[in-house]
C-alpha cells in the first residue's frame, strides 16, 4: 500500500488542500507533502493523528480491521495509545486469558 497516495486520496475526497490538512493535523505543510509524495514515511503516531483529522481509524485506513467486531476495533485503537511497556503487559494478559481458555 502506498501510504502517501492513500492520504492524498482521503484528503482530496474531503476537499482539503495540503495546507489545511497539515494545519488541522499540527504538522508542517512540507512534511505532509513529503509523506504524500513518498519522500518520507510518517511515524505511527503521526499517521494516527492524520487519520483522526481525516475522521478515519487506522484500521479503516489500512482496510484490514473493518471486518472485526466493533469491540476489537476499539480495543486496537485504545492499545495504540499505550506505552511499549503497557502493550507488553496487555499482550501478556491476553496470552494468559487465551491459555486459560485452552485448558
N, C-alpha and C. Protein backbone atom coordinates (compact mmCIF):
# COMPACT_ATOMS: atom_id res chain seq x y z
N UNK A 1 0.84 -1.18 0.00
CA UNK A 1 0.00 0.00 0.00
C UNK A 1 0.88 1.24 0.00
N UNK A 2 0.52 2.21 -0.81
CA UNK A 2 1.22 3.49 -0.84
C UNK A 2 0.52 4.42 0.15
N UNK A 3 1.12 4.60 1.31
CA UNK A 3 0.51 5.40 2.38
C UNK A 3 0.29 6.84 1.94
N UNK A 4 1.28 7.40 1.26
CA UNK A 4 1.16 8.79 0.81
C UNK A 4 -0.01 9.00 -0.14
N UNK A 5 -0.15 8.09 -1.10
CA UNK A 5 -1.28 8.20 -2.05
C UNK A 5 -2.61 8.03 -1.33
N UNK A 6 -2.64 7.13 -0.37
CA UNK A 6 -3.88 6.92 0.39
C UNK A 6 -4.26 8.20 1.15
N UNK A 7 -3.28 8.83 1.78
CA UNK A 7 -3.55 10.09 2.49
C UNK A 7 -4.03 11.16 1.51
N UNK A 8 -3.35 11.27 0.38
CA UNK A 8 -3.74 12.28 -0.61
C UNK A 8 -5.17 12.05 -1.09
N UNK A 9 -5.51 10.79 -1.40
CA UNK A 9 -6.87 10.49 -1.86
C UNK A 9 -7.91 10.84 -0.80
N UNK A 10 -7.63 10.48 0.45
CA UNK A 10 -8.57 10.80 1.53
C UNK A 10 -8.69 12.30 1.71
N UNK A 11 -7.57 13.00 1.64
CA UNK A 11 -7.58 14.47 1.78
C UNK A 11 -8.41 15.10 0.68
N UNK A 12 -8.20 14.65 -0.53
CA UNK A 12 -8.91 15.22 -1.67
C UNK A 12 -10.41 14.93 -1.62
N UNK A 13 -10.79 13.73 -1.16
CA UNK A 13 -12.22 13.41 -1.08
C UNK A 13 -12.91 14.25 -0.01
N UNK A 14 -12.13 14.79 0.92
CA UNK A 14 -12.68 15.66 1.97
C UNK A 14 -12.51 17.14 1.62
N UNK A 15 -12.12 17.37 0.37
CA UNK A 15 -11.96 18.74 -0.16
C UNK A 15 -11.02 19.59 0.69
N UNK A 16 -9.92 18.99 1.11
CA UNK A 16 -8.90 19.71 1.86
C UNK A 16 -7.67 19.86 1.00
N UNK A 17 -7.00 21.00 1.10
CA UNK A 17 -5.71 21.11 0.43
C UNK A 17 -4.62 20.73 1.43
N UNK A 18 -3.40 20.64 0.96
CA UNK A 18 -2.29 20.20 1.80
C UNK A 18 -2.14 21.11 3.02
N UNK A 19 -2.25 22.39 2.80
CA UNK A 19 -2.09 23.35 3.88
C UNK A 19 -3.16 23.17 4.96
N UNK A 20 -4.40 22.95 4.54
CA UNK A 20 -5.50 22.78 5.51
C UNK A 20 -5.32 21.52 6.35
N UNK A 21 -5.00 20.41 5.70
CA UNK A 21 -4.82 19.17 6.46
C UNK A 21 -3.61 19.28 7.39
N UNK A 22 -2.53 19.85 6.89
CA UNK A 22 -1.33 20.00 7.72
C UNK A 22 -1.64 20.82 8.97
N UNK A 23 -2.36 21.91 8.78
CA UNK A 23 -2.70 22.77 9.92
C UNK A 23 -3.59 22.03 10.91
N UNK A 24 -4.59 21.32 10.42
CA UNK A 24 -5.50 20.59 11.31
C UNK A 24 -4.81 19.43 12.02
N UNK A 25 -3.79 18.84 11.40
CA UNK A 25 -3.08 17.71 11.98
C UNK A 25 -1.84 18.16 12.77
N UNK A 26 -1.62 19.46 12.83
CA UNK A 26 -0.49 20.02 13.58
C UNK A 26 0.86 19.52 13.08
N UNK A 27 0.97 19.45 11.75
CA UNK A 27 2.24 19.10 11.13
C UNK A 27 2.55 20.14 10.07
N UNK A 28 3.79 20.20 9.63
CA UNK A 28 4.13 21.20 8.62
C UNK A 28 3.62 20.77 7.25
N UNK A 29 3.38 21.76 6.43
CA UNK A 29 2.91 21.51 5.07
C UNK A 29 3.96 20.73 4.28
N UNK A 30 5.23 21.07 4.48
CA UNK A 30 6.29 20.37 3.74
C UNK A 30 6.40 18.91 4.17
N UNK A 31 6.20 18.64 5.47
CA UNK A 31 6.24 17.26 5.96
C UNK A 31 5.09 16.45 5.34
N UNK A 32 3.89 17.02 5.32
CA UNK A 32 2.75 16.33 4.72
C UNK A 32 2.99 16.10 3.23
N UNK A 33 3.53 17.08 2.57
CA UNK A 33 3.84 16.93 1.16
C UNK A 33 4.85 15.82 0.93
N UNK A 34 5.87 15.75 1.78
CA UNK A 34 6.86 14.68 1.69
C UNK A 34 6.23 13.31 1.90
N UNK A 35 5.27 13.22 2.81
CA UNK A 35 4.57 11.95 3.04
C UNK A 35 3.77 11.56 1.80
N UNK A 36 3.01 12.51 1.28
CA UNK A 36 2.14 12.23 0.14
C UNK A 36 2.92 11.85 -1.12
N UNK A 37 4.12 12.40 -1.26
CA UNK A 37 4.92 12.09 -2.45
C UNK A 37 5.85 10.90 -2.24
N UNK A 38 5.83 10.32 -1.04
CA UNK A 38 6.64 9.15 -0.77
C UNK A 38 8.08 9.43 -0.41
N UNK A 39 8.43 10.70 -0.21
CA UNK A 39 9.81 11.03 0.17
C UNK A 39 10.11 10.67 1.62
N UNK A 40 9.07 10.58 2.44
CA UNK A 40 9.24 10.16 3.83
C UNK A 40 8.01 9.37 4.26
N UNK A 41 8.19 8.59 5.30
CA UNK A 41 7.07 7.80 5.83
C UNK A 41 6.72 8.35 7.22
N UNK A 42 5.45 8.50 7.50
CA UNK A 42 5.08 9.02 8.82
C UNK A 42 5.25 7.96 9.91
N UNK A 43 5.53 8.43 11.11
CA UNK A 43 5.53 7.50 12.24
C UNK A 43 4.09 7.05 12.46
N UNK A 44 3.92 5.99 13.20
CA UNK A 44 2.57 5.51 13.50
C UNK A 44 1.78 6.58 14.24
N UNK A 45 2.46 7.29 15.13
CA UNK A 45 1.83 8.37 15.88
C UNK A 45 1.30 9.46 14.94
N UNK A 46 2.15 9.90 14.02
CA UNK A 46 1.74 10.95 13.06
C UNK A 46 0.64 10.45 12.14
N UNK A 47 0.75 9.21 11.71
CA UNK A 47 -0.28 8.64 10.84
C UNK A 47 -1.62 8.59 11.58
N UNK A 48 -1.57 8.23 12.84
CA UNK A 48 -2.79 8.18 13.65
C UNK A 48 -3.41 9.57 13.76
N UNK A 49 -2.60 10.60 13.95
CA UNK A 49 -3.11 11.98 14.03
C UNK A 49 -3.72 12.40 12.69
N UNK A 50 -3.04 12.07 11.61
CA UNK A 50 -3.57 12.40 10.28
C UNK A 50 -4.90 11.69 10.06
N UNK A 51 -4.97 10.41 10.43
CA UNK A 51 -6.20 9.65 10.26
C UNK A 51 -7.34 10.26 11.08
N UNK A 52 -7.06 10.60 12.31
CA UNK A 52 -8.09 11.22 13.15
C UNK A 52 -8.57 12.52 12.54
N UNK A 53 -7.64 13.30 12.00
CA UNK A 53 -8.00 14.55 11.34
C UNK A 53 -8.89 14.30 10.13
N UNK A 54 -8.65 13.18 9.44
CA UNK A 54 -9.45 12.81 8.28
C UNK A 54 -10.70 12.02 8.67
N UNK A 55 -10.91 11.87 9.96
CA UNK A 55 -12.08 11.17 10.50
C UNK A 55 -12.14 9.71 10.04
N UNK A 56 -11.00 9.04 10.18
CA UNK A 56 -10.91 7.63 9.80
C UNK A 56 -9.99 6.95 10.82
N UNK A 57 -10.28 5.71 11.16
CA UNK A 57 -9.41 4.98 12.08
C UNK A 57 -8.23 4.40 11.30
N UNK A 58 -7.19 4.02 12.03
CA UNK A 58 -6.06 3.36 11.37
C UNK A 58 -6.50 2.06 10.71
N UNK A 59 -7.39 1.35 11.36
CA UNK A 59 -7.91 0.12 10.77
C UNK A 59 -8.59 0.37 9.45
N UNK A 60 -9.42 1.40 9.40
CA UNK A 60 -10.09 1.74 8.14
C UNK A 60 -9.08 2.22 7.11
N UNK A 61 -8.07 2.95 7.56
CA UNK A 61 -7.04 3.45 6.65
C UNK A 61 -6.36 2.30 5.93
N UNK A 62 -6.00 1.26 6.68
CA UNK A 62 -5.32 0.12 6.07
C UNK A 62 -6.29 -0.90 5.51
N UNK A 63 -7.58 -0.74 5.79
CA UNK A 63 -8.59 -1.62 5.24
C UNK A 63 -8.50 -3.05 5.75
N UNK A 64 -7.86 -3.23 6.92
CA UNK A 64 -7.66 -4.58 7.42
C UNK A 64 -8.52 -4.89 8.63
N UNK A 65 -8.97 -3.89 9.34
CA UNK A 65 -9.66 -4.12 10.60
C UNK A 65 -11.17 -3.94 10.45
N UNK A 66 -11.62 -3.44 9.34
CA UNK A 66 -13.02 -3.09 9.18
C UNK A 66 -13.97 -4.27 9.41
N UNK A 67 -13.51 -5.49 9.18
CA UNK A 67 -14.38 -6.63 9.33
C UNK A 67 -14.40 -7.20 10.75
N UNK A 68 -13.59 -6.65 11.63
CA UNK A 68 -13.57 -7.09 13.02
C UNK A 68 -14.76 -6.52 13.77
N UNK A 69 -15.19 -7.19 14.83
CA UNK A 69 -16.27 -6.62 15.65
C UNK A 69 -15.84 -5.27 16.24
N UNK A 70 -16.81 -4.43 16.47
CA UNK A 70 -16.57 -3.08 16.98
C UNK A 70 -15.73 -3.12 18.26
N UNK A 71 -16.00 -4.08 19.13
CA UNK A 71 -15.27 -4.17 20.39
C UNK A 71 -13.78 -4.37 20.16
N UNK A 72 -13.41 -5.19 19.17
CA UNK A 72 -12.00 -5.42 18.88
C UNK A 72 -11.35 -4.19 18.24
N UNK A 73 -12.09 -3.50 17.39
CA UNK A 73 -11.57 -2.28 16.79
C UNK A 73 -11.28 -1.25 17.88
N UNK A 74 -12.20 -1.10 18.82
CA UNK A 74 -11.98 -0.17 19.94
C UNK A 74 -10.78 -0.59 20.77
N UNK A 75 -10.64 -1.88 21.00
CA UNK A 75 -9.50 -2.39 21.77
C UNK A 75 -8.19 -2.06 21.06
N UNK A 76 -8.14 -2.27 19.77
CA UNK A 76 -6.93 -1.97 18.99
C UNK A 76 -6.62 -0.48 19.04
N UNK A 77 -7.64 0.34 18.83
CA UNK A 77 -7.43 1.78 18.85
C UNK A 77 -6.97 2.25 20.23
N UNK A 78 -7.52 1.66 21.28
CA UNK A 78 -7.09 2.01 22.64
C UNK A 78 -5.66 1.55 22.90
N UNK A 79 -5.33 0.37 22.44
CA UNK A 79 -3.99 -0.18 22.65
C UNK A 79 -2.92 0.67 21.97
N UNK A 80 -3.27 1.35 20.90
CA UNK A 80 -2.32 2.19 20.19
C UNK A 80 -1.90 3.40 21.03
N UNK A 81 -2.65 3.71 22.05
CA UNK A 81 -2.34 4.85 22.91
C UNK A 81 -1.44 4.46 24.09
N UNK A 82 -1.14 3.18 24.22
CA UNK A 82 -0.36 2.68 25.35
C UNK A 82 1.14 2.78 25.08
N UNK A 83 1.91 2.81 26.16
CA UNK A 83 3.36 2.77 26.03
C UNK A 83 3.78 1.36 25.62
N UNK A 84 5.04 1.22 25.22
CA UNK A 84 5.54 -0.10 24.83
C UNK A 84 5.42 -1.09 25.99
N UNK A 85 5.72 -0.62 27.19
CA UNK A 85 5.63 -1.50 28.37
C UNK A 85 4.18 -1.90 28.62
N UNK A 86 3.26 -0.96 28.49
CA UNK A 86 1.84 -1.27 28.70
C UNK A 86 1.33 -2.24 27.64
N UNK A 87 1.79 -2.10 26.40
CA UNK A 87 1.40 -3.03 25.34
C UNK A 87 1.91 -4.43 25.66
N UNK A 88 3.14 -4.52 26.15
CA UNK A 88 3.70 -5.83 26.52
C UNK A 88 2.88 -6.45 27.65
N UNK A 89 2.50 -5.64 28.65
CA UNK A 89 1.68 -6.16 29.75
C UNK A 89 0.32 -6.62 29.25
N UNK A 90 -0.28 -5.83 28.36
CA UNK A 90 -1.58 -6.20 27.79
C UNK A 90 -1.45 -7.50 27.00
N UNK A 91 -0.40 -7.62 26.23
CA UNK A 91 -0.18 -8.83 25.44
C UNK A 91 -0.02 -10.06 26.35
N UNK A 92 0.75 -9.90 27.44
CA UNK A 92 0.91 -10.99 28.41
C UNK A 92 -0.43 -11.38 29.02
N UNK A 93 -1.23 -10.36 29.34
CA UNK A 93 -2.55 -10.62 29.93
C UNK A 93 -3.44 -11.39 28.96
N UNK A 94 -3.45 -10.97 27.72
CA UNK A 94 -4.27 -11.65 26.70
C UNK A 94 -3.78 -13.08 26.50
N UNK A 95 -2.46 -13.26 26.47
CA UNK A 95 -1.91 -14.61 26.34
C UNK A 95 -2.36 -15.51 27.50
N UNK A 96 -2.39 -14.95 28.71
CA UNK A 96 -2.82 -15.76 29.86
C UNK A 96 -4.31 -16.10 29.76
N UNK A 97 -5.11 -15.18 29.28
CA UNK A 97 -6.54 -15.47 29.09
C UNK A 97 -6.75 -16.57 28.05
N UNK A 98 -6.02 -16.48 26.97
CA UNK A 98 -6.15 -17.48 25.90
C UNK A 98 -5.70 -18.85 26.39
N UNK A 99 -4.59 -18.89 27.13
CA UNK A 99 -4.13 -20.19 27.62
C UNK A 99 -5.10 -20.78 28.63
N UNK A 100 -5.77 -19.94 29.41
CA UNK A 100 -6.79 -20.44 30.34
C UNK A 100 -7.97 -21.03 29.58
N UNK A 101 -8.33 -20.42 28.46
CA UNK A 101 -9.44 -20.89 27.63
C UNK A 101 -9.13 -22.25 27.02
N UNK A 102 -7.87 -22.50 26.74
CA UNK A 102 -7.46 -23.73 26.07
C UNK A 102 -7.37 -24.92 27.02
N UNK A 103 -7.46 -24.66 28.31
CA UNK A 103 -7.36 -25.76 29.29
C UNK A 103 -8.66 -26.52 29.41
